[in-house]
Amino acid sequence: MNKIDYNKLFKNVIPNSIEGIKIFSSSDKYIKPQEFDSVTNLENRIWSELYQNLELLLDQYASREYLLGLRTLPIPNNMFPNFKAISPLLENSTSWTLIPVAGFLDEELFFELNKDRKFPVTDIIRRSPRFEQKYLNSDIKNARGYTPEPDIFHDIQGHIPLLMNRKYADFMWEIGVLGYEIVKNKRNLTHELVNHNLKRLQNFSWWTYEYGLLKSSRRTDKFRRVSNDIPYEIYGSGIISSLDETKNIIDCSKGKASRSKFLKYDIEEIVLTCFDYSDIQDRYFVIDSMEELYSSFSKNKNLFFYEG
């Protein structure tokens, strides 16, 4: 029987977009406890630079959910955060905990952890000797503004403040449950369909909780030091942890650049739109509200069980 290539349904296909990134599975030694007392002065300086270069921009442009979550957590702006200080507060607020890991996890492991409200975080940081050693023989971007492998700055500064919000935390749990259901394939779909549906969920995740934008609400300005002067708020963690991505959105919004376009949120379009790990995004999907995002995901889970 000939295999059917369902991936022909996708658009904006980027070949080999994660080539070179090390991926860990449940059969690997993926748990890697943070050695907080071994963090070097150089690593603390890298964290400080990353955080402080973004601090005022995020205060002005990040979403309400992010700003309020950040204020409740011991995430310093001048040194590495301590996972053991953060995890209990997160667990008390939304029942999520931090799981220290060695790096990028495969789909099955990632979704299995998420369905149990466990969020994987790594203590390696971009531009550090440890990061360079890990990718000594690989050609992946390792810059101040962006790296395709999630590092501690992306995991902690980008994701965790949002997970302090109950509705957002439940939304992320729902994604984990759905992803694990796809992987376990209790509907007995073909291998090709399972992989296709996983890619649909990856696309959704990328264009929403990683690189999503929210229509600006002036109500959020009361939590800012400087009022937002663009039509959007940032809730995507991939943007929040990237100076280059954040500046790109600001510049494109103000007509100072035209690299990227802003599109109205459409879940059916999103699940079929692929992405590129290795560069600034050429598009951003804008939701009217966080409630629209949560509701649309809950009502359209059938999109992730395509049967051909």
Protein backbone atom coordinates (compact mmCIF):
# COMPACT_ATOMS: atom_id res chain seq x y z
CA MET A 1 0.00 0.00 0.00
CA ASN A 2 1.41 3.42 -0.97
CA LYS A 3 2.01 5.89 1.81
CA ILE A 4 0.10 9.16 1.56
CA ASP A 5 2.04 12.38 2.12
CA TYR A 6 -0.47 14.42 4.10
CA ASN A 7 2.17 17.07 4.69
CA LYS A 8 1.44 18.38 1.21
CA LEU A 9 -1.47 20.16 2.91
CA PHE A 10 0.99 22.45 4.71
CA LYS A 11 2.12 25.82 3.43
CA ASN A 12 5.16 27.95 4.24
CA VAL A 13 7.19 24.72 4.51
CA ILE A 14 10.75 25.30 5.76
CA PRO A 15 13.00 22.26 5.21
CA ASN A 16 15.47 21.27 7.95
CA SER A 17 14.48 24.16 10.18
CA ILE A 18 15.69 22.39 13.35
CA GLU A 19 18.68 20.62 11.85
CA GLY A 20 21.53 20.35 14.35
CA ILE A 21 19.47 20.76 17.53
CA LYS A 22 19.96 17.93 20.02
CA ILE A 23 16.68 16.27 20.95
CA PHE A 24 16.18 14.12 24.07
CA SER A 25 13.65 11.32 24.50
CA SER A 26 12.45 9.35 27.52
CA SER A 27 15.13 6.73 26.78
CA ASP A 28 17.85 9.37 27.26
CA LYS A 29 19.15 10.77 30.52
CA TYR A 30 17.03 13.87 30.12
CA ILE A 31 16.66 14.97 33.75
CA LYS A 32 19.48 17.36 34.61
CA PRO A 33 19.12 19.08 38.01
CA GLN A 34 20.16 22.71 38.15
CA GLU A 35 23.55 23.22 39.79
CA PHE A 36 22.76 26.68 41.02
CA ASP A 37 25.93 27.05 43.10
CA SER A 38 28.04 26.30 40.02
CA VAL A 39 26.70 29.16 37.89
CA THR A 40 29.65 31.30 36.75
CA ASN A 41 30.00 35.07 36.86
CA LEU A 42 30.04 35.05 33.05
CA GLU A 43 26.72 33.19 32.89
CA ASN A 44 25.20 35.66 35.36
CA ARG A 45 26.44 38.55 33.22
CA ILE A 46 24.88 37.03 30.09
CA TRP A 47 21.57 36.64 31.93
CA SER A 48 21.78 40.23 33.19
CA GLU A 49 22.43 41.59 29.71
CA LEU A 50 19.60 39.60 28.14
CA TYR A 51 17.12 40.55 30.85
CA GLN A 52 18.02 44.22 31.15
CA ASN A 53 18.04 44.80 27.38
CA LEU A 54 14.43 43.58 27.26
CA GLU A 55 13.14 44.77 30.62
CA LEU A 56 11.75 48.17 29.63
CA LEU A 57 10.50 46.95 26.25
CA LEU A 58 8.51 44.14 27.85
CA ASP A 59 7.16 46.47 30.49
CA GLN A 60 5.78 48.60 27.67
CA TYR A 61 4.63 45.90 25.23
CA ALA A 62 4.02 42.56 27.01
CA SER A 63 0.55 41.33 27.91
CA ARG A 64 -1.20 41.82 31.23
CA GLU A 65 -0.91 38.10 32.03
CA TYR A 66 2.84 38.21 31.59
CA LEU A 67 3.42 41.42 33.55
CA LEU A 68 1.39 40.29 36.55
CA GLY A 69 3.03 36.85 36.57
CA LEU A 70 6.51 38.33 36.43
CA ARG A 71 5.82 40.50 39.47
CA THR A 72 4.95 37.50 41.62
CA LEU A 73 8.08 35.44 40.93
CA PRO A 74 11.69 35.66 42.18
CA ILE A 75 13.19 36.06 38.72
CA PRO A 76 16.16 38.42 39.18
CA ASN A 77 17.30 40.83 36.47
CA ASN A 78 20.99 40.47 37.36
CA MET A 79 21.68 36.75 37.92
CA PHE A 80 20.47 33.24 37.14
CA PRO A 81 17.10 32.34 38.69
CA ASN A 82 16.97 29.47 41.15
CA PHE A 83 14.52 26.78 40.03
CA LYS A 84 13.94 25.66 43.63
CA ALA A 85 12.74 29.15 44.58
CA ILE A 86 10.35 29.44 41.63
CA SER A 87 8.78 25.98 41.37
CA PRO A 88 6.91 25.99 44.73
CA LEU A 89 5.30 29.35 43.94
CA LEU A 90 4.21 28.10 40.53
CA GLU A 91 2.83 24.89 42.00
CA ASN A 92 0.90 26.81 44.65
CA SER A 93 -0.65 29.10 42.02
CA THR A 94 -1.53 26.79 39.14
CA SER A 95 -0.31 23.27 40.10
CA TRP A 96 2.55 23.34 37.59
CA THR A 97 6.12 22.47 38.60
CA LEU A 98 9.50 22.96 36.94
CA ILE A 99 11.39 19.91 35.65
CA PRO A 100 15.11 20.59 34.98
CA VAL A 101 16.13 18.94 31.71
CA ALA A 102 19.19 18.58 29.49
CA GLY A 103 17.68 20.36 26.49
CA PHE A 104 15.10 20.08 23.71
CA LEU A 105 12.65 17.19 24.29
CA ASP A 106 10.85 15.09 21.69
CA GLU A 107 7.09 15.39 21.31
CA GLU A 108 6.07 12.34 23.33
CA LEU A 109 8.17 13.28 26.33
CA PHE A 110 7.27 16.96 26.19
CA PHE A 111 3.53 16.33 26.02
CA GLU A 112 3.69 13.62 28.69
CA LEU A 113 5.31 16.08 31.09
CA ASN A 114 2.86 18.85 30.18
CA LYS A 115 -0.21 16.66 30.73
CA ASP A 116 1.11 16.15 34.28
CA ARG A 117 1.57 19.93 34.65
CA LYS A 118 5.35 19.66 34.55
CA PHE A 119 7.20 22.28 32.53
CA PRO A 120 10.71 21.37 31.29
CA VAL A 121 13.41 24.00 31.84
CA THR A 122 17.14 23.99 31.16
CA ASP A 123 19.89 25.87 32.99
CA ILE A 124 22.13 26.40 29.96
CA ILE A 125 22.23 29.90 28.45
CA ARG A 126 23.02 31.20 24.96
CA ARG A 127 26.50 32.59 24.22
CA SER A 128 27.99 30.77 27.21
CA PRO A 129 30.91 28.30 27.05
CA ARG A 130 28.53 25.49 28.06
CA PHE A 131 26.21 26.28 25.16
CA GLU A 132 29.11 26.55 22.71
CA GLN A 133 30.53 23.23 23.89
CA LYS A 134 27.18 21.51 23.48
CA TYR A 135 27.00 22.63 19.85
CA LEU A 136 30.69 22.59 19.06
CA ASN A 137 30.22 20.75 15.75
CA SER A 138 26.82 22.16 14.79
CA ASP A 139 25.93 25.30 12.90
CA ILE A 140 23.04 26.74 14.89
CA LYS A 141 22.45 30.39 15.64
CA ASN A 142 23.84 31.38 19.05
CA ALA A 143 23.28 35.12 19.33
CA ARG A 144 22.31 37.54 22.06
CA GLY A 145 18.98 38.27 20.40
CA TYR A 146 17.94 34.74 19.52
CA THR A 147 18.81 31.03 19.55
CA PRO A 148 16.64 28.21 18.15
CA GLU A 149 17.31 25.94 21.16
CA PRO A 150 15.31 26.92 24.23
CA ASP A 151 17.72 28.12 26.93
CA ILE A 152 17.15 29.14 30.54
CA PHE A 153 16.29 32.66 29.50
CA HIS A 154 13.57 31.48 27.14
CA ASP A 155 12.22 28.84 29.52
CA ILE A 156 12.14 30.89 32.71
CA GLN A 157 11.87 34.52 31.64
CA GLY A 158 9.70 33.74 28.60
CA HIS A 159 7.29 31.04 29.75
CA ILE A 160 7.01 30.81 33.50
CA PRO A 161 5.41 34.21 34.33
CA LEU A 162 2.50 33.32 32.04
CA LEU A 163 2.05 29.96 33.76
CA MET A 164 1.19 31.86 36.95
CA ASN A 165 -2.16 32.71 35.32
CA ARG A 166 -4.76 30.02 36.01
CA LYS A 167 -6.59 30.20 32.66
CA TYR A 168 -3.36 30.22 30.69
CA ALA A 169 -1.97 27.34 32.77
CA ASP A 170 -5.11 25.28 32.10
CA PHE A 171 -4.81 26.06 28.37
CA MET A 172 -1.22 24.77 28.35
CA TRP A 173 -2.31 21.65 30.22
CA GLU A 174 -5.03 21.04 27.61
CA ILE A 175 -2.40 21.21 24.87
CA GLY A 176 -0.29 18.67 26.75
CA VAL A 177 -3.23 16.29 27.13
CA LEU A 178 -4.14 16.61 23.45
CA GLY A 179 -0.56 16.17 22.29
CA TYR A 180 -0.14 13.04 24.36
CA GLU A 181 -3.39 11.65 22.96
CA ILE A 182 -2.12 12.21 19.42
CA VAL A 183 1.20 10.49 20.19
CA LYS A 184 -0.42 7.48 21.86
CA ASN A 185 -2.73 7.09 18.83
CA LYS A 186 -5.71 5.45 20.51
CA ARG A 187 -7.71 6.20 17.36
CA ASN A 188 -5.45 3.83 15.40
CA LEU A 189 -4.53 6.30 12.68
CA THR A 190 -1.67 5.59 10.30
CA HIS A 191 1.87 6.61 11.22
CA GLU A 192 1.71 9.30 8.53
CA LEU A 193 -1.49 10.77 9.97
CA VAL A 194 -0.10 10.79 13.51
CA ASN A 195 2.98 12.71 12.37
CA HIS A 196 0.81 15.06 10.34
CA ASN A 197 -1.45 15.80 13.31
CA LEU A 198 1.55 16.36 15.57
CA LYS A 199 2.84 18.91 13.09
CA ARG A 200 -0.54 20.63 13.14
CA LEU A 201 -0.27 20.94 16.92
CA GLN A 202 3.32 22.16 16.67
CA ASN A 203 2.20 24.83 14.20
CA PHE A 204 -0.60 25.91 16.54
CA SER A 205 1.76 26.07 19.50
CA TRP A 206 4.34 28.05 17.55
CA TRP A 207 1.98 30.72 16.26
CA THR A 208 0.20 31.11 19.61
CA TYR A 209 2.00 30.57 22.88
CA GLU A 210 5.45 30.91 21.30
CA TYR A 211 4.99 33.73 18.76
CA GLY A 212 1.49 35.05 19.30
CA LEU A 213 0.32 38.65 19.59
CA LEU A 214 -2.73 40.09 21.30
CA LYS A 215 -4.76 43.10 20.24
CA SER A 216 -3.67 45.95 22.50
CA SER A 217 -5.87 46.81 25.44
CA ARG A 218 -5.33 50.20 27.02
CA ARG A 219 -6.46 48.62 30.29
CA THR A 220 -3.04 47.00 30.52
CA ASP A 221 -1.30 50.38 30.52
CA LYS A 222 -2.04 50.84 34.22
CA PHE A 223 0.51 48.09 34.88
CA ARG A 224 3.21 49.75 32.73
CA ARG A 225 5.77 52.46 33.39
CA VAL A 226 5.32 53.73 29.81
CA SER A 227 2.10 53.33 27.79
CA ASN A 228 2.03 50.92 24.87
CA ASP A 229 2.23 52.84 21.58
CA ILE A 230 1.60 50.00 19.08
CA PRO A 231 -1.64 48.09 18.30
CA TYR A 232 -0.37 44.85 19.84
CA GLU A 233 0.61 43.23 23.12
CA ILE A 234 3.08 40.35 23.24
CA TYR A 235 2.10 37.06 24.86
CA GLY A 236 4.26 34.64 22.83
CA SER A 237 7.18 33.42 24.91
CA GLY A 238 9.49 33.10 21.91
CA ILE A 239 9.06 36.82 21.30
CA ILE A 240 9.32 37.74 24.98
CA SER A 241 12.72 36.05 25.26
CA SER A 242 14.11 37.51 22.01
CA LEU A 243 15.35 41.08 21.71
CA ASP A 244 15.53 40.78 17.92
CA GLU A 245 11.96 39.48 17.64
CA THR A 246 10.59 42.12 20.01
CA LYS A 247 12.31 44.95 18.14
CA ASN A 248 11.10 43.56 14.83
CA ILE A 249 7.47 43.71 16.00
CA ILE A 250 7.86 47.25 17.29
CA ASP A 251 9.56 48.44 14.08
CA CYS A 252 7.05 46.73 11.77
CA SER A 253 4.14 48.11 13.81
CA LYS A 254 5.51 51.64 13.49
CA GLY A 255 6.27 51.37 9.77
CA LYS A 256 10.03 51.46 10.32
CA ALA A 257 10.41 47.98 8.83
CA SER A 258 8.39 45.69 6.57
CA ARG A 259 9.96 42.32 7.26
CA SER A 260 6.86 40.81 8.85
CA LYS A 261 3.09 41.02 8.49
CA PHE A 262 0.34 40.93 11.11
CA LEU A 263 -2.52 38.53 10.41
CA LYS A 264 -5.87 38.04 12.10
CA TYR A 265 -5.96 34.87 14.19
CA ASP A 266 -7.44 31.96 12.24
CA ILE A 267 -6.94 28.54 13.81
CA GLU A 268 -7.60 26.65 10.57
CA GLU A 269 -4.92 28.65 8.78
CA ILE A 270 -2.51 28.42 11.71
CA VAL A 271 -2.51 24.62 11.99
CA LEU A 272 -1.50 24.34 8.32
CA THR A 273 1.16 27.09 8.40
CA CYS A 274 4.70 25.90 9.09
CA PHE A 275 7.42 27.99 10.71
CA ASP A 276 11.17 28.50 10.87
CA TYR A 277 13.14 27.99 14.07
CA SER A 278 16.24 29.61 12.65
CA ASP A 279 15.19 33.18 11.83
CA ILE A 280 12.92 36.10 12.70
CA GLN A 281 9.30 35.29 11.89
CA ASP A 282 7.81 36.68 8.69
CA ARG A 283 4.27 36.79 10.14
CA TYR A 284 2.44 37.04 13.46
CA PHE A 285 -1.15 36.03 14.18
CA VAL A 286 -3.11 38.44 16.37
CA ILE A 287 -5.86 37.33 18.76
CA ASP A 288 -8.56 39.73 19.93
CA SER A 289 -8.35 38.40 23.50
CA MET A 290 -6.85 35.54 25.48
CA GLU A 291 -10.38 34.19 25.87
CA GLU A 292 -10.62 33.89 22.06
CA LEU A 293 -7.46 31.75 22.08
CA TYR A 294 -8.65 29.44 24.84
CA SER A 295 -12.15 29.05 23.39
CA SER A 296 -10.98 28.45 19.84
CA PHE A 297 -8.60 25.71 20.92
CA SER A 298 -11.22 23.95 23.05
CA LYS A 299 -13.82 24.07 20.28
CA ASN A 300 -11.56 22.96 17.42
CA LYS A 301 -9.63 19.98 18.75
CA ASN A 302 -10.95 17.97 15.81
CA LEU A 303 -8.43 19.86 13.65
CA PHE A 304 -5.68 17.87 15.35
CA PHE A 305 -7.21 14.51 14.54
CA TYR A 306 -7.27 14.76 10.75
CA GLU A 307 -8.13 11.37 9.25
CA GLY A 308 -7.44 12.01 5.59
